[in-house]
Amino acid sequence: MSGKTTQHSADSSDDAVKTSTTLQVEIFGSAYGVRSDRDPEHLLGLAAFVDEKMREIAGKTVAVETSRIAILAALNIADELAREREQKAASVEPVAKKANTLLDQLEDVLTDSGE
């Protein structure tokens, strides 16, 4: 993957100048110019992740069309994201319940001490 960057400035609605970078990345043997206002290293990491997923899919399937491999990789990535979101939601729920219980107990103590 290439690290070639070009700076672009764009006016946003609040008149602040936003700088974006156009970066050449290579995914599954094809080069793409991608513009982003994020850190170039972040974008390179994303491109490497997508490239890795496509190569992983290509190694496990008989599909040879790049677009078909890209769709399968996208579905794989979407599944990973959905699982991560489910795990996050599942881990937050018990903490929220405990916080509400503690808040109720605190309110009871404060109400009792105010009588």
Protein backbone atom coordinates (compact mmCIF):
# COMPACT_ATOMS: atom_id res chain seq x y z
CA MET A 1 0.00 0.00 0.00
CA SER A 2 1.25 3.40 -0.92
CA GLY A 3 1.43 6.37 1.38
CA LYS A 4 1.13 9.09 -1.27
CA THR A 5 -0.92 11.95 0.14
CA THR A 6 -2.36 15.17 -1.22
CA GLN A 7 -3.83 17.84 1.01
CA HIS A 8 -7.20 19.38 0.16
CA SER A 9 -9.04 22.11 2.02
CA ALA A 10 -12.79 22.32 2.07
CA ASP A 11 -14.99 24.91 3.72
CA SER A 12 -17.55 23.46 6.07
CA SER A 13 -20.83 25.08 7.07
CA ASP A 14 -19.23 26.80 10.09
CA ASP A 15 -16.52 28.43 7.94
CA ALA A 16 -13.80 26.28 9.54
CA VAL A 17 -11.26 24.80 7.18
CA LYS A 18 -11.24 21.03 7.10
CA THR A 19 -8.17 19.32 5.68
CA SER A 20 -8.55 16.03 3.89
CA THR A 21 -5.92 13.73 2.50
CA THR A 22 -6.07 11.71 -0.68
CA LEU A 23 -4.19 8.50 -0.16
CA GLN A 24 -3.32 5.77 -2.65
CA VAL A 25 -4.12 2.37 -1.17
CA GLU A 26 -3.91 -1.08 -2.69
CA ILE A 27 -6.63 -3.60 -1.96
CA PHE A 28 -6.60 -7.07 -3.50
CA GLY A 29 -4.20 -6.00 -6.23
CA SER A 30 -6.02 -2.83 -7.28
CA ALA A 31 -5.00 0.73 -6.46
CA TYR A 32 -7.57 3.21 -5.17
CA GLY A 33 -7.31 6.90 -4.44
CA VAL A 34 -9.26 7.51 -1.23
CA ARG A 35 -9.93 10.89 0.34
CA SER A 36 -10.35 11.13 4.09
CA ASP A 37 -10.12 13.71 6.85
CA ARG A 38 -8.85 11.02 9.23
CA ASP A 39 -5.25 10.15 10.01
CA PRO A 40 -3.58 8.55 6.95
CA GLU A 41 -2.30 5.67 9.11
CA HIS A 42 -5.91 4.91 10.08
CA LEU A 43 -6.92 4.74 6.43
CA LEU A 44 -3.94 2.54 5.56
CA GLY A 45 -4.91 0.22 8.41
CA LEU A 46 -8.48 -0.03 7.13
CA ALA A 47 -7.27 -0.79 3.61
CA ALA A 48 -4.93 -3.48 4.96
CA PHE A 49 -7.83 -4.98 6.93
CA VAL A 50 -10.10 -5.10 3.87
CA ASP A 51 -7.25 -6.53 1.77
CA GLU A 52 -6.64 -9.23 4.38
CA LYS A 53 -10.35 -10.15 4.51
CA MET A 54 -10.59 -10.37 0.72
CA ARG A 55 -7.51 -12.59 0.54
CA GLU A 56 -8.88 -14.76 3.33
CA ILE A 57 -12.19 -15.18 1.45
CA ALA A 58 -10.39 -15.80 -1.85
CA GLY A 59 -8.42 -18.60 -0.21
CA LYS A 60 -11.57 -20.31 1.06
CA THR A 61 -13.90 -20.01 -1.92
CA VAL A 62 -14.03 -20.92 -5.56
CA ALA A 63 -15.27 -17.42 -6.44
CA VAL A 64 -12.83 -15.69 -8.75
CA GLU A 65 -14.67 -12.46 -9.53
CA THR A 66 -13.23 -9.62 -7.50
CA SER A 67 -16.66 -8.09 -6.95
CA ARG A 68 -18.01 -11.37 -5.56
CA ILE A 69 -15.02 -11.69 -3.21
CA ALA A 70 -15.52 -8.06 -2.13
CA ILE A 71 -19.20 -8.72 -1.33
CA LEU A 72 -18.34 -11.83 0.69
CA ALA A 73 -15.63 -9.91 2.54
CA ALA A 74 -18.06 -7.05 3.24
CA LEU A 75 -20.60 -9.52 4.65
CA ASN A 76 -17.87 -11.06 6.79
CA ILE A 77 -16.82 -7.65 8.13
CA ALA A 78 -20.48 -6.66 8.75
CA ASP A 79 -20.98 -9.90 10.71
CA GLU A 80 -17.92 -9.13 12.85
CA LEU A 81 -19.23 -5.62 13.51
CA ALA A 82 -22.69 -6.91 14.46
CA ARG A 83 -21.16 -9.43 16.88
CA GLU A 84 -18.99 -6.74 18.48
CA ARG A 85 -22.02 -4.48 18.92
CA GLU A 86 -24.01 -7.33 20.49
CA GLN A 87 -21.16 -8.10 22.89
CA LYS A 88 -20.84 -4.43 23.81
CA ALA A 89 -24.57 -4.12 24.45
CA ALA A 90 -24.52 -7.32 26.53
CA SER A 91 -21.62 -6.06 28.66
CA VAL A 92 -23.15 -2.61 29.20
CA GLU A 93 -26.55 -3.91 30.36
CA PRO A 94 -25.42 -5.48 33.68
CA VAL A 95 -23.38 -2.38 34.51
CA ALA A 96 -26.38 -0.12 33.83
CA LYS A 97 -28.60 -2.32 36.01
CA LYS A 98 -26.06 -2.23 38.85
CA ALA A 99 -25.71 1.55 38.53
CA ASN A 100 -29.49 1.96 38.73
CA THR A 101 -29.65 -0.30 41.79
CA LEU A 102 -26.93 1.71 43.51
CA LEU A 103 -28.67 4.96 42.58
CA ASP A 104 -31.93 3.68 44.07
CA GLN A 105 -30.11 2.65 47.25
CA LEU A 106 -28.42 6.04 47.48
CA GLU A 107 -31.74 7.83 47.03
CA ASP A 108 -33.27 5.64 49.79
CA VAL A 109 -30.42 6.46 52.17
CA LEU A 110 -30.64 10.19 51.41
CA THR A 111 -34.42 10.16 51.81
CA ASP A 112 -34.20 8.25 55.12
CA SER A 113 -31.52 10.59 56.50
CA GLY A 114 -33.56 13.65 55.59
CA GLU A 115 -36.55 12.66 57.75
